[in-house]
Amino acid sequence: MKIIKKAQAGSFESSDILILAENPEGVKGRVIQLNSIVEKQYGNMILKIVNNVLDKFEVADIHLVIHDKGALTPVIKARMETVLLRASNNQKGTMY
């Protein structure tokens, strides 16, 4: 999947996660910035979930900024899938 525009998914509410995605020109690989209230305890697990979703959608080059407020695994996966579909312009049935 190719990232062609900036997109976001989620919110800054408690138990949610806000994910911003873009593919800045000249950047190769995955650049992930994680800010989380539970980063010390679950930071590695969050990054593993994010990378698993990126692998599933075959995304090689992306810049992600993630602001986590204690989201559970299914929420992280759903927000990741949404932001990737929006950023690749593949999401159907929404205004984004």
Protein backbone atom coordinates (compact mmCIF):
# COMPACT_ATOMS: atom_id res chain seq x y z
CA MET A 1 0.00 0.00 0.00
CA LYS A 2 1.30 3.44 -0.90
CA ILE A 3 0.66 6.42 1.35
CA ILE A 4 -0.32 9.34 -0.88
CA LYS A 5 -1.70 11.97 1.51
CA LYS A 6 -1.76 13.03 5.13
CA ALA A 7 -4.47 11.47 7.28
CA GLN A 8 -5.50 10.98 10.87
CA ALA A 9 -7.69 8.67 12.89
CA GLY A 10 -8.78 8.58 16.50
CA SER A 11 -9.07 11.21 19.17
CA PHE A 12 -7.23 12.63 22.16
CA GLU A 13 -9.82 11.26 24.58
CA SER A 14 -9.08 8.89 27.45
CA SER A 15 -8.69 5.24 26.36
CA ASP A 16 -8.25 6.27 22.72
CA ILE A 17 -5.34 6.88 20.38
CA LEU A 18 -4.72 9.61 17.81
CA ILE A 19 -2.64 8.55 14.82
CA LEU A 20 -1.30 10.95 12.20
CA ALA A 21 0.15 9.45 9.01
CA GLU A 22 2.05 10.90 6.09
CA ASN A 23 4.67 9.94 3.55
CA PRO A 24 7.07 12.86 3.42
CA GLU A 25 9.19 12.95 0.30
CA GLY A 26 12.67 11.59 0.69
CA VAL A 27 11.86 9.45 3.73
CA LYS A 28 12.49 5.75 3.34
CA GLY A 29 11.30 3.19 5.81
CA ARG A 30 9.06 3.52 8.84
CA VAL A 31 9.46 6.49 11.15
CA ILE A 32 7.23 6.11 14.21
CA GLN A 33 7.00 8.70 16.98
CA LEU A 34 5.13 7.36 20.00
CA ASN A 35 3.85 9.50 22.85
CA SER A 36 1.89 7.48 25.39
CA ILE A 37 0.78 7.80 28.99
CA VAL A 38 1.63 4.11 29.35
CA GLU A 39 4.79 4.09 27.24
CA LYS A 40 7.04 2.67 29.94
CA GLN A 41 4.75 -0.30 30.54
CA TYR A 42 3.30 -0.91 27.05
CA GLY A 43 5.37 1.10 24.56
CA ASN A 44 6.99 -1.96 22.98
CA MET A 45 3.64 -3.74 22.67
CA ILE A 46 2.04 -0.69 21.04
CA LEU A 47 4.88 -0.49 18.52
CA LYS A 48 4.56 -4.22 17.81
CA ILE A 49 0.82 -3.84 17.10
CA VAL A 50 1.47 -0.83 14.85
CA ASN A 51 4.19 -2.67 12.91
CA ASN A 52 1.99 -5.77 12.54
CA VAL A 53 -0.75 -3.66 10.93
CA LEU A 54 1.81 -1.96 8.68
CA ASP A 55 3.06 -5.42 7.64
CA LYS A 56 -0.50 -6.60 6.97
CA PHE A 57 -1.10 -3.65 4.64
CA GLU A 58 2.42 -3.92 3.17
CA VAL A 59 3.40 -0.35 4.02
CA ALA A 60 7.13 0.23 3.70
CA ASP A 61 7.54 4.02 3.75
CA ILE A 62 5.55 6.05 6.28
CA HIS A 63 5.87 8.64 9.01
CA LEU A 64 3.53 8.09 11.97
CA VAL A 65 2.94 10.33 14.96
CA ILE A 66 1.02 8.46 17.66
CA HIS A 67 -0.54 10.03 20.75
CA ASP A 68 -1.88 7.26 22.99
CA LYS A 69 -4.15 7.78 25.99
CA GLY A 70 -4.33 4.14 27.09
CA ALA A 71 -6.05 2.54 24.09
CA LEU A 72 -6.63 -1.21 24.10
CA THR A 73 -5.31 -3.48 21.34
CA PRO A 74 -8.53 -3.60 19.24
CA VAL A 75 -8.72 0.20 19.30
CA ILE A 76 -5.10 0.55 18.18
CA LYS A 77 -5.66 -1.88 15.31
CA ALA A 78 -8.89 -0.16 14.21
CA ARG A 79 -7.30 3.30 14.28
CA MET A 80 -4.27 2.04 12.34
CA GLU A 81 -6.41 0.42 9.66
CA THR A 82 -8.52 3.58 9.34
CA VAL A 83 -5.57 5.95 9.06
CA LEU A 84 -3.90 3.73 6.45
CA LEU A 85 -7.04 3.49 4.34
CA ARG A 86 -7.51 7.25 4.53
CA ALA A 87 -3.85 8.01 3.75
CA SER A 88 -3.88 5.69 0.74
CA ASN A 89 -7.21 7.14 -0.44
CA ASN A 90 -8.81 3.67 -0.29
CA GLN A 91 -11.50 4.29 2.31
CA LYS A 92 -15.03 4.09 0.99
CA GLY A 93 -18.16 5.68 2.38
CA THR A 94 -16.65 8.55 4.41
CA MET A 95 -15.93 12.19 3.84
CA TYR A 96 -12.16 11.80 4.33
